Amino acid sequence: ENAGAAVALEASWLAPRHGRIVVLCGPGNNGGDGFVAARLLKARD
């Protein structure tokens, strides 16, 4: 959760406000970080 939150925060600075973000997730914990980041970014509109 903490890793995904850090990814989401960094992504929010790289993408325009309400921008379109694609998250590519793999089969391991790296993909799990991506799922968390995707959920948090969606919650931020």
All heavy atoms as atom14 arrays in JSON, in Angstrom:
{
  "sequence": "ENAGAAVALEASWLAPRHGRIVVLCGPGNNGGDGFVAARLLKARD",
  "atom14_mask": [
    [1, 1, 1, 1, 1, 1, 1, 1, 1, 0, 0, 0, 0, 0],
    [1, 1, 1, 1, 1, 1, 1, 1, 0, 0, 0, 0, 0, 0],
    [1, 1, 1, 1, 1, 0, 0, 0, 0, 0, 0, 0, 0, 0],
    [1, 1, 1, 1, 0, 0, 0, 0, 0, 0, 0, 0, 0, 0],
    [1, 1, 1, 1, 1, 0, 0, 0, 0, 0, 0, 0, 0, 0],
    [1, 1, 1, 1, 1, 0, 0, 0, 0, 0, 0, 0, 0, 0],
    [1, 1, 1, 1, 1, 1, 1, 0, 0, 0, 0, 0, 0, 0],
    [1, 1, 1, 1, 1, 0, 0, 0, 0, 0, 0, 0, 0, 0],
    [1, 1, 1, 1, 1, 1, 1, 1, 0, 0, 0, 0, 0, 0],
    [1, 1, 1, 1, 1, 1, 1, 1, 1, 0, 0, 0, 0, 0],
    [1, 1, 1, 1, 1, 0, 0, 0, 0, 0, 0, 0, 0, 0],
    [1, 1, 1, 1, 1, 1, 0, 0, 0, 0, 0, 0, 0, 0],
    [1, 1, 1, 1, 1, 1, 1, 1, 1, 1, 1, 1, 1, 1],
    [1, 1, 1, 1, 1, 1, 1, 1, 0, 0, 0, 0, 0, 0],
    [1, 1, 1, 1, 1, 0, 0, 0, 0, 0, 0, 0, 0, 0],
    [1, 1, 1, 1, 1, 1, 1, 0, 0, 0, 0, 0, 0, 0],
    [1, 1, 1, 1, 1, 1, 1, 1, 1, 1, 1, 0, 0, 0],
    [1, 1, 1, 1, 1, 1, 1, 1, 1, 1, 0, 0, 0, 0],
    [1, 1, 1, 1, 0, 0, 0, 0, 0, 0, 0, 0, 0, 0],
    [1, 1, 1, 1, 1, 1, 1, 1, 1, 1, 1, 0, 0, 0],
    [1, 1, 1, 1, 1, 1, 1, 1, 0, 0, 0, 0, 0, 0],
    [1, 1, 1, 1, 1, 1, 1, 0, 0, 0, 0, 0, 0, 0],
    [1, 1, 1, 1, 1, 1, 1, 0, 0, 0, 0, 0, 0, 0],
    [1, 1, 1, 1, 1, 1, 1, 1, 0, 0, 0, 0, 0, 0],
    [1, 1, 1, 1, 1, 1, 0, 0, 0, 0, 0, 0, 0, 0],
    [1, 1, 1, 1, 0, 0, 0, 0, 0, 0, 0, 0, 0, 0],
    [1, 1, 1, 1, 1, 1, 1, 0, 0, 0, 0, 0, 0, 0],
    [1, 1, 1, 1, 0, 0, 0, 0, 0, 0, 0, 0, 0, 0],
    [1, 1, 1, 1, 1, 1, 1, 1, 0, 0, 0, 0, 0, 0],
    [1, 1, 1, 1, 1, 1, 1, 1, 0, 0, 0, 0, 0, 0],
    [1, 1, 1, 1, 0, 0, 0, 0, 0, 0, 0, 0, 0, 0],
    [1, 1, 1, 1, 0, 0, 0, 0, 0, 0, 0, 0, 0, 0],
    [1, 1, 1, 1, 1, 1, 1, 1, 0, 0, 0, 0, 0, 0],
    [1, 1, 1, 1, 0, 0, 0, 0, 0, 0, 0, 0, 0, 0],
    [1, 1, 1, 1, 1, 1, 1, 1, 1, 1, 1, 0, 0, 0],
    [1, 1, 1, 1, 1, 1, 1, 0, 0, 0, 0, 0, 0, 0],
    [1, 1, 1, 1, 1, 0, 0, 0, 0, 0, 0, 0, 0, 0],
    [1, 1, 1, 1, 1, 0, 0, 0, 0, 0, 0, 0, 0, 0],
    [1, 1, 1, 1, 1, 1, 1, 1, 1, 1, 1, 0, 0, 0],
    [1, 1, 1, 1, 1, 1, 1, 1, 0, 0, 0, 0, 0, 0],
    [1, 1, 1, 1, 1, 1, 1, 1, 0, 0, 0, 0, 0, 0],
    [1, 1, 1, 1, 1, 1, 1, 1, 1, 0, 0, 0, 0, 0],
    [1, 1, 1, 1, 1, 0, 0, 0, 0, 0, 0, 0, 0, 0],
    [1, 1, 1, 1, 1, 1, 1, 1, 1, 1, 1, 0, 0, 0],
    [1, 1, 1, 1, 1, 1, 1, 1, 0, 0, 0, 0, 0, 0]
  ],
  "atom14_positions": [
    [[0.84, -1.21, 0.0], [0.0, 0.0, 0.0], [0.87, 1.25, 0.0], [0.59, 2.22, -0.72], [-0.92, 0.0, 1.22], [-2.16, -0.84, 1.05], [-3.2, -0.17, 0.15], [-3.31, 1.07, 0.16], [-3.9, -0.9, -0.58], [0.0, 0.0, 0.0], [0.0, 0.0, 0.0], [0.0, 0.0, 0.0], [0.0, 0.0, 0.0], [0.0, 0.0, 0.0]],
    [[1.92, 1.25, 0.81], [2.81, 2.42, 0.87], [3.54, 2.62, -0.45], [3.72, 3.76, -0.9], [3.81, 2.25, 2.01], [3.16, 2.32, 3.38], [2.05, 2.82, 3.52], [3.85, 1.81, 4.39], [0.0, 0.0, 0.0], [0.0, 0.0, 0.0], [0.0, 0.0, 0.0], [0.0, 0.0, 0.0], [0.0, 0.0, 0.0], [0.0, 0.0, 0.0]],
    [[3.98, 1.52, -1.06], [4.67, 1.62, -2.35], [3.72, 2.16, -3.41], [4.07, 3.06, -4.19], [5.22, 0.25, -2.75], [0.0, 0.0, 0.0], [0.0, 0.0, 0.0], [0.0, 0.0, 0.0], [0.0, 0.0, 0.0], [0.0, 0.0, 0.0], [0.0, 0.0, 0.0], [0.0, 0.0, 0.0], [0.0, 0.0, 0.0], [0.0, 0.0, 0.0]],
    [[2.5, 1.61, -3.46], [1.53, 2.09, -4.44], [1.18, 3.55, -4.23], [0.99, 4.31, -5.21], [0.0, 0.0, 0.0], [0.0, 0.0, 0.0], [0.0, 0.0, 0.0], [0.0, 0.0, 0.0], [0.0, 0.0, 0.0], [0.0, 0.0, 0.0], [0.0, 0.0, 0.0], [0.0, 0.0, 0.0], [0.0, 0.0, 0.0], [0.0, 0.0, 0.0]],
    [[1.09, 3.98, -2.96], [0.8, 5.38, -2.68], [1.92, 6.29, -3.18], [1.67, 7.38, -3.72], [0.59, 5.57, -1.18], [0.0, 0.0, 0.0], [0.0, 0.0, 0.0], [0.0, 0.0, 0.0], [0.0, 0.0, 0.0], [0.0, 0.0, 0.0], [0.0, 0.0, 0.0], [0.0, 0.0, 0.0], [0.0, 0.0, 0.0], [0.0, 0.0, 0.0]],
    [[3.18, 5.85, -3.02], [4.31, 6.64, -3.5], [4.29, 6.74, -5.03], [4.57, 7.79, -5.6], [5.62, 6.02, -3.02], [0.0, 0.0, 0.0], [0.0, 0.0, 0.0], [0.0, 0.0, 0.0], [0.0, 0.0, 0.0], [0.0, 0.0, 0.0], [0.0, 0.0, 0.0], [0.0, 0.0, 0.0], [0.0, 0.0, 0.0], [0.0, 0.0, 0.0]],
    [[3.94, 5.63, -5.69], [3.85, 5.64, -7.16], [2.73, 6.59, -7.6], [2.9, 7.38, -8.54], [3.59, 4.21, -7.69], [3.33, 4.24, -9.2], [4.78, 3.31, -7.39], [0.0, 0.0, 0.0], [0.0, 0.0, 0.0], [0.0, 0.0, 0.0], [0.0, 0.0, 0.0], [0.0, 0.0, 0.0], [0.0, 0.0, 0.0], [0.0, 0.0, 0.0]],
    [[1.58, 6.51, -6.93], [0.46, 7.38, -7.29], [0.82, 8.85, -7.12], [0.46, 9.69, -7.97], [-0.76, 7.03, -6.44], [0.0, 0.0, 0.0], [0.0, 0.0, 0.0], [0.0, 0.0, 0.0], [0.0, 0.0, 0.0], [0.0, 0.0, 0.0], [0.0, 0.0, 0.0], [0.0, 0.0, 0.0], [0.0, 0.0, 0.0], [0.0, 0.0, 0.0]],
    [[1.52, 9.18, -6.05], [1.91, 10.57, -5.82], [2.83, 11.06, -6.93], [2.64, 12.15, -7.48], [2.59, 10.7, -4.45], [3.09, 12.09, -4.08], [1.94, 13.09, -4.03], [3.84, 12.06, -2.75], [0.0, 0.0, 0.0], [0.0, 0.0, 0.0], [0.0, 0.0, 0.0], [0.0, 0.0, 0.0], [0.0, 0.0, 0.0], [0.0, 0.0, 0.0]],
    [[3.81, 10.24, -7.27], [4.74, 10.64, -8.34], [4.01, 10.77, -9.67], [4.27, 11.7, -10.45], [5.87, 9.61, -8.44], [7.11, 10.1, -9.15], [7.76, 11.28, -8.45], [7.81, 11.3, -7.21], [8.21, 12.21, -9.17], [0.0, 0.0, 0.0], [0.0, 0.0, 0.0], [0.0, 0.0, 0.0], [0.0, 0.0, 0.0], [0.0, 0.0, 0.0]],
    [[3.09, 9.84, -9.93], [2.33, 9.89, -11.18], [1.47, 11.14, -11.26], [1.31, 11.74, -12.33], [1.46, 8.64, -11.31], [0.0, 0.0, 0.0], [0.0, 0.0, 0.0], [0.0, 0.0, 0.0], [0.0, 0.0, 0.0], [0.0, 0.0, 0.0], [0.0, 0.0, 0.0], [0.0, 0.0, 0.0], [0.0, 0.0, 0.0], [0.0, 0.0, 0.0]],
    [[0.94, 11.57, -10.13], [0.06, 12.75, -10.12], [0.83, 14.01, -10.48], [0.23, 15.01, -10.93], [-0.6, 12.9, -8.76], [0.35, 13.24, -7.76], [0.0, 0.0, 0.0], [0.0, 0.0, 0.0], [0.0, 0.0, 0.0], [0.0, 0.0, 0.0], [0.0, 0.0, 0.0], [0.0, 0.0, 0.0], [0.0, 0.0, 0.0], [0.0, 0.0, 0.0]],
    [[2.15, 14.01, -10.29], [2.97, 15.15, -10.68], [3.38, 15.08, -12.15], [3.65, 16.1, -12.77], [4.22, 15.22, -9.81], [3.94, 15.54, -8.37], [2.87, 16.21, -7.87], [4.74, 15.18, -7.25], [2.95, 16.31, -6.5], [4.09, 15.68, -6.07], [5.93, 14.49, -7.09], [4.6, 15.51, -4.8], [6.44, 14.33, -5.8], [5.78, 14.83, -4.68]],
    [[3.42, 13.88, -12.7], [3.85, 13.71, -14.09], [2.72, 13.86, -15.09], [2.95, 14.24, -16.24], [4.5, 12.33, -14.27], [5.85, 12.1, -13.6], [6.27, 10.64, -13.72], [6.92, 13.01, -14.19], [0.0, 0.0, 0.0], [0.0, 0.0, 0.0], [0.0, 0.0, 0.0], [0.0, 0.0, 0.0], [0.0, 0.0, 0.0], [0.0, 0.0, 0.0]],
    [[1.49, 13.54, -14.67], [0.34, 13.6, -15.58], [-0.42, 14.9, -15.36], [-0.43, 15.45, -14.26], [-0.58, 12.41, -15.32], [0.0, 0.0, 0.0], [0.0, 0.0, 0.0], [0.0, 0.0, 0.0], [0.0, 0.0, 0.0], [0.0, 0.0, 0.0], [0.0, 0.0, 0.0], [0.0, 0.0, 0.0], [0.0, 0.0, 0.0], [0.0, 0.0, 0.0]],
    [[-1.06, 15.42, -16.4], [-1.89, 16.62, -16.21], [-3.08, 16.31, -15.31], [-3.5, 15.17, -15.17], [-2.34, 16.96, -17.64], [-2.21, 15.69, -18.41], [-1.08, 14.94, -17.8], [0.0, 0.0, 0.0], [0.0, 0.0, 0.0], [0.0, 0.0, 0.0], [0.0, 0.0, 0.0], [0.0, 0.0, 0.0], [0.0, 0.0, 0.0], [0.0, 0.0, 0.0]],
    [[-3.61, 17.34, -14.69], [-4.75, 17.16, -13.79], [-5.91, 16.49, -14.53], [-6.27, 16.89, -15.63], [-5.19, 18.52, -13.24], [-6.23, 18.41, -12.15], [-6.57, 19.77, -11.59], [-7.52, 19.67, -10.49], [-8.07, 20.72, -9.89], [-7.74, 21.94, -10.28], [-8.93, 20.55, -8.9], [0.0, 0.0, 0.0], [0.0, 0.0, 0.0], [0.0, 0.0, 0.0]],
    [[-6.46, 15.45, -13.9], [-7.54, 14.64, -14.5], [-7.09, 13.98, -15.81], [-7.94, 13.64, -16.65], [-8.8, 15.48, -14.75], [-9.28, 16.23, -13.56], [-9.47, 15.62, -12.33], [-9.58, 17.54, -13.37], [-9.9, 16.52, -11.46], [-9.95, 17.7, -12.05], [0.0, 0.0, 0.0], [0.0, 0.0, 0.0], [0.0, 0.0, 0.0], [0.0, 0.0, 0.0]],
    [[-5.8, 13.81, -15.99], [-5.28, 13.22, -17.21], [-5.54, 11.73, -17.31], [-6.03, 11.08, -16.37], [0.0, 0.0, 0.0], [0.0, 0.0, 0.0], [0.0, 0.0, 0.0], [0.0, 0.0, 0.0], [0.0, 0.0, 0.0], [0.0, 0.0, 0.0], [0.0, 0.0, 0.0], [0.0, 0.0, 0.0], [0.0, 0.0, 0.0], [0.0, 0.0, 0.0]],
    [[-5.15, 11.18, -18.45], [-5.38, 9.77, -18.74], [-4.11, 8.98, -18.43], [-3.06, 9.22, -19.02], [-5.78, 9.6, -20.2], [-7.15, 10.2, -20.53], [-7.33, 10.42, -22.0], [-6.42, 11.46, -22.5], [-6.47, 11.97, -23.74], [-7.35, 11.51, -24.6], [-5.6, 12.89, -24.11], [0.0, 0.0, 0.0], [0.0, 0.0, 0.0], [0.0, 0.0, 0.0]],
    [[-4.24, 8.03, -17.53], [-3.1, 7.23, -17.07], [-3.38, 5.76, -17.35], [-4.46, 5.25, -17.01], [-2.82, 7.44, -15.57], [-2.49, 8.91, -15.29], [-1.69, 6.53, -15.09], [-2.32, 9.23, -13.81], [0.0, 0.0, 0.0], [0.0, 0.0, 0.0], [0.0, 0.0, 0.0], [0.0, 0.0, 0.0], [0.0, 0.0, 0.0], [0.0, 0.0, 0.0]],
    [[-2.42, 5.1, -17.98], [-2.5, 3.66, -18.2], [-1.51, 2.98, -17.27], [-0.34, 3.4, -17.19], [-2.18, 3.29, -19.66], [-2.1, 1.78, -19.84], [-3.24, 3.87, -20.6], [0.0, 0.0, 0.0], [0.0, 0.0, 0.0], [0.0, 0.0, 0.0], [0.0, 0.0, 0.0], [0.0, 0.0, 0.0], [0.0, 0.0, 0.0], [0.0, 0.0, 0.0]],
    [[-1.97, 1.96, -16.54], [-1.11, 1.22, -15.62], [-0.96, -0.21, -16.15], [-1.96, -0.9, -16.34], [-1.71, 1.18, -14.2], [-0.75, 0.48, -13.24], [-2.0, 2.61, -13.71], [0.0, 0.0, 0.0], [0.0, 0.0, 0.0], [0.0, 0.0, 0.0], [0.0, 0.0, 0.0], [0.0, 0.0, 0.0], [0.0, 0.0, 0.0], [0.0, 0.0, 0.0]],
    [[0.29, -0.62, -16.39], [0.58, -1.97, -16.87], [1.05, -2.8, -15.68], [2.07, -2.5, -15.06], [1.67, -1.94, -17.94], [1.43, -1.03, -19.15], [2.57, -1.19, -20.15], [0.09, -1.32, -19.8], [0.0, 0.0, 0.0], [0.0, 0.0, 0.0], [0.0, 0.0, 0.0], [0.0, 0.0, 0.0], [0.0, 0.0, 0.0], [0.0, 0.0, 0.0]],
    [[0.32, -3.86, -15.36], [0.63, -4.68, -14.19], [1.08, -6.07, -14.6], [0.5, -6.68, -15.5], [-0.6, -4.8, -13.29], [-1.1, -3.24, -12.54], [0.0, 0.0, 0.0], [0.0, 0.0, 0.0], [0.0, 0.0, 0.0], [0.0, 0.0, 0.0], [0.0, 0.0, 0.0], [0.0, 0.0, 0.0], [0.0, 0.0, 0.0], [0.0, 0.0, 0.0]],
    [[2.1, -6.56, -13.9], [2.61, -7.89, -14.12], [2.12, -8.86, -13.07], [1.26, -8.53, -12.24], [0.0, 0.0, 0.0], [0.0, 0.0, 0.0], [0.0, 0.0, 0.0], [0.0, 0.0, 0.0], [0.0, 0.0, 0.0], [0.0, 0.0, 0.0], [0.0, 0.0, 0.0], [0.0, 0.0, 0.0], [0.0, 0.0, 0.0], [0.0, 0.0, 0.0]],
    [[2.7, -10.07, -13.03], [2.15, -11.14, -12.19], [2.6, -11.12, -10.73], [2.04, -11.85, -9.92], [2.68, -12.4, -12.88], [3.96, -11.96, -13.52], [3.73, -10.55, -13.96], [0.0, 0.0, 0.0], [0.0, 0.0, 0.0], [0.0, 0.0, 0.0], [0.0, 0.0, 0.0], [0.0, 0.0, 0.0], [0.0, 0.0, 0.0], [0.0, 0.0, 0.0]],
    [[3.59, -10.31, -10.36], [4.14, -10.37, -9.0], [3.8, -9.15, -8.18], [2.83, -8.42, -8.45], [0.0, 0.0, 0.0], [0.0, 0.0, 0.0], [0.0, 0.0, 0.0], [0.0, 0.0, 0.0], [0.0, 0.0, 0.0], [0.0, 0.0, 0.0], [0.0, 0.0, 0.0], [0.0, 0.0, 0.0], [0.0, 0.0, 0.0], [0.0, 0.0, 0.0]],
    [[4.61, -8.92, -7.14], [4.35, -7.79, -6.24], [4.51, -6.45, -6.93], [3.89, -5.46, -6.52], [5.28, -7.87, -5.03], [4.8, -8.89, -4.02], [3.7, -9.43, -4.13], [5.64, -9.19, -3.04], [0.0, 0.0, 0.0], [0.0, 0.0, 0.0], [0.0, 0.0, 0.0], [0.0, 0.0, 0.0], [0.0, 0.0, 0.0], [0.0, 0.0, 0.0]],
    [[5.33, -6.38, -7.98], [5.44, -5.15, -8.76], [4.09, -4.8, -9.37], [3.65, -3.64, -9.33], [6.51, -5.34, -9.84], [7.02, -4.03, -10.39], [6.75, -3.7, -11.55], [7.75, -3.27, -9.59], [0.0, 0.0, 0.0], [0.0, 0.0, 0.0], [0.0, 0.0, 0.0], [0.0, 0.0, 0.0], [0.0, 0.0, 0.0], [0.0, 0.0, 0.0]],
    [[3.39, -5.82, -9.87], [2.05, -5.6, -10.38], [1.09, -5.2, -9.28], [0.19, -4.38, -9.48], [0.0, 0.0, 0.0], [0.0, 0.0, 0.0], [0.0, 0.0, 0.0], [0.0, 0.0, 0.0], [0.0, 0.0, 0.0], [0.0, 0.0, 0.0], [0.0, 0.0, 0.0], [0.0, 0.0, 0.0], [0.0, 0.0, 0.0], [0.0, 0.0, 0.0]],
    [[1.27, -5.78, -8.08], [0.44, -5.38, -6.94], [0.6, -3.91, -6.62], [-0.4, -3.21, -6.33], [0.0, 0.0, 0.0], [0.0, 0.0, 0.0], [0.0, 0.0, 0.0], [0.0, 0.0, 0.0], [0.0, 0.0, 0.0], [0.0, 0.0, 0.0], [0.0, 0.0, 0.0], [0.0, 0.0, 0.0], [0.0, 0.0, 0.0], [0.0, 0.0, 0.0]],
    [[1.84, -3.4, -6.67], [2.07, -1.96, -6.48], [1.28, -1.16, -7.51], [0.73, -0.09, -7.21], [3.56, -1.63, -6.6], [4.42, -2.32, -5.56], [3.88, -2.74, -4.52], [5.65, -2.44, -5.81], [0.0, 0.0, 0.0], [0.0, 0.0, 0.0], [0.0, 0.0, 0.0], [0.0, 0.0, 0.0], [0.0, 0.0, 0.0], [0.0, 0.0, 0.0]],
    [[1.26, -1.67, -8.74], [0.52, -0.99, -9.8], [-0.97, -0.95, -9.54], [-1.63, 0.08, -9.79], [0.0, 0.0, 0.0], [0.0, 0.0, 0.0], [0.0, 0.0, 0.0], [0.0, 0.0, 0.0], [0.0, 0.0, 0.0], [0.0, 0.0, 0.0], [0.0, 0.0, 0.0], [0.0, 0.0, 0.0], [0.0, 0.0, 0.0], [0.0, 0.0, 0.0]],
    [[-1.55, -2.05, -9.03], [-2.97, -2.06, -8.7], [-3.29, -1.01, -7.63], [-4.3, -0.3, -7.72], [-3.38, -3.45, -8.19], [-3.81, -4.4, -9.28], [-2.97, -5.39, -9.74], [-5.07, -4.3, -9.84], [-3.36, -6.27, -10.74], [-5.49, -5.17, -10.84], [-4.63, -6.16, -11.29], [0.0, 0.0, 0.0], [0.0, 0.0, 0.0], [0.0, 0.0, 0.0]],
    [[-2.45, -0.93, -6.6], [-2.68, 0.06, -5.55], [-2.62, 1.48, -6.12], [-3.48, 2.32, -5.85], [-1.66, -0.11, -4.41], [-1.79, 1.03, -3.4], [-1.84, -1.45, -3.72], [0.0, 0.0, 0.0], [0.0, 0.0, 0.0], [0.0, 0.0, 0.0], [0.0, 0.0, 0.0], [0.0, 0.0, 0.0], [0.0, 0.0, 0.0], [0.0, 0.0, 0.0]],
    [[-1.6, 1.75, -6.93], [-1.45, 3.08, -7.53], [-2.65, 3.42, -8.4], [-3.16, 4.55, -8.37], [-0.16, 3.14, -8.35], [0.0, 0.0, 0.0], [0.0, 0.0, 0.0], [0.0, 0.0, 0.0], [0.0, 0.0, 0.0], [0.0, 0.0, 0.0], [0.0, 0.0, 0.0], [0.0, 0.0, 0.0], [0.0, 0.0, 0.0], [0.0, 0.0, 0.0]],
    [[-3.13, 2.45, -9.18], [-4.29, 2.69, -10.05], [-5.51, 3.05, -9.22], [-6.26, 4.0, -9.56], [-4.56, 1.44, -10.89], [0.0, 0.0, 0.0], [0.0, 0.0, 0.0], [0.0, 0.0, 0.0], [0.0, 0.0, 0.0], [0.0, 0.0, 0.0], [0.0, 0.0, 0.0], [0.0, 0.0, 0.0], [0.0, 0.0, 0.0], [0.0, 0.0, 0.0]],
    [[-5.75, 2.33, -8.13], [-6.91, 2.61, -7.28], [-6.85, 4.02, -6.7], [-7.84, 4.77, -6.7], [-6.96, 1.58, -6.15], [-8.23, 1.65, -5.32], [-8.19, 0.73, -4.12], [-7.4, 1.29, -3.03], [-6.33, 0.71, -2.5], [-5.87, -0.44, -2.95], [-5.68, 1.31, -1.52], [0.0, 0.0, 0.0], [0.0, 0.0, 0.0], [0.0, 0.0, 0.0]],
    [[-5.67, 4.42, -6.22], [-5.52, 5.73, -5.59], [-5.63, 6.86, -6.62], [-6.18, 7.92, -6.34], [-4.2, 5.8, -4.84], [-4.06, 4.81, -3.67], [-2.66, 4.89, -3.07], [-5.12, 5.09, -2.6], [0.0, 0.0, 0.0], [0.0, 0.0, 0.0], [0.0, 0.0, 0.0], [0.0, 0.0, 0.0], [0.0, 0.0, 0.0], [0.0, 0.0, 0.0]],
    [[-5.09, 6.63, -7.81], [-5.17, 7.65, -8.86], [-6.61, 7.83, -9.33], [-7.05, 8.95, -9.6], [-4.26, 7.27, -10.03], [-2.77, 7.42, -9.76], [-1.95, 6.69, -10.82], [-2.37, 8.91, -9.71], [0.0, 0.0, 0.0], [0.0, 0.0, 0.0], [0.0, 0.0, 0.0], [0.0, 0.0, 0.0], [0.0, 0.0, 0.0], [0.0, 0.0, 0.0]],
    [[-7.34, 6.75, -9.42], [-8.75, 6.84, -9.81], [-9.53, 7.63, -8.76], [-10.4, 8.45, -9.11], [-9.33, 5.43, -9.96], [-10.77, 5.43, -10.48], [-11.28, 4.01, -10.64], [-12.74, 4.03, -11.13], [-13.31, 2.67, -11.23], [0.0, 0.0, 0.0], [0.0, 0.0, 0.0], [0.0, 0.0, 0.0], [0.0, 0.0, 0.0], [0.0, 0.0, 0.0]],
    [[-9.2, 7.42, -7.49], [-9.87, 8.16, -6.42], [-9.56, 9.65, -6.48], [-10.32, 10.47, -5.93], [-9.47, 7.6, -5.06], [0.0, 0.0, 0.0], [0.0, 0.0, 0.0], [0.0, 0.0, 0.0], [0.0, 0.0, 0.0], [0.0, 0.0, 0.0], [0.0, 0.0, 0.0], [0.0, 0.0, 0.0], [0.0, 0.0, 0.0], [0.0, 0.0, 0.0]],
    [[-8.47, 10.02, -7.14], [-8.1, 11.43, -7.29], [-8.61, 12.01, -8.62], [-8.13, 13.04, -9.08], [-6.58, 11.59, -7.2], [-6.02, 11.19, -5.83], [-4.51, 11.27, -5.82], [-3.96, 10.66, -4.61], [-2.66, 10.5, -4.37], [-1.76, 10.9, -5.27], [-2.25, 9.93, -3.25], [0.0, 0.0, 0.0], [0.0, 0.0, 0.0], [0.0, 0.0, 0.0]],
    [[-9.52, 11.32, -9.23], [-10.2, 11.79, -10.45], [-9.32, 11.78, -11.7], [-9.58, 12.53, -12.65], [-10.79, 13.19, -10.24], [-11.92, 13.18, -9.22], [-12.64, 12.17, -9.15], [-12.06, 14.18, -8.5], [0.0, 0.0, 0.0], [0.0, 0.0, 0.0], [0.0, 0.0, 0.0], [0.0, 0.0, 0.0], [0.0, 0.0, 0.0], [0.0, 0.0, 0.0]]
  ]
}
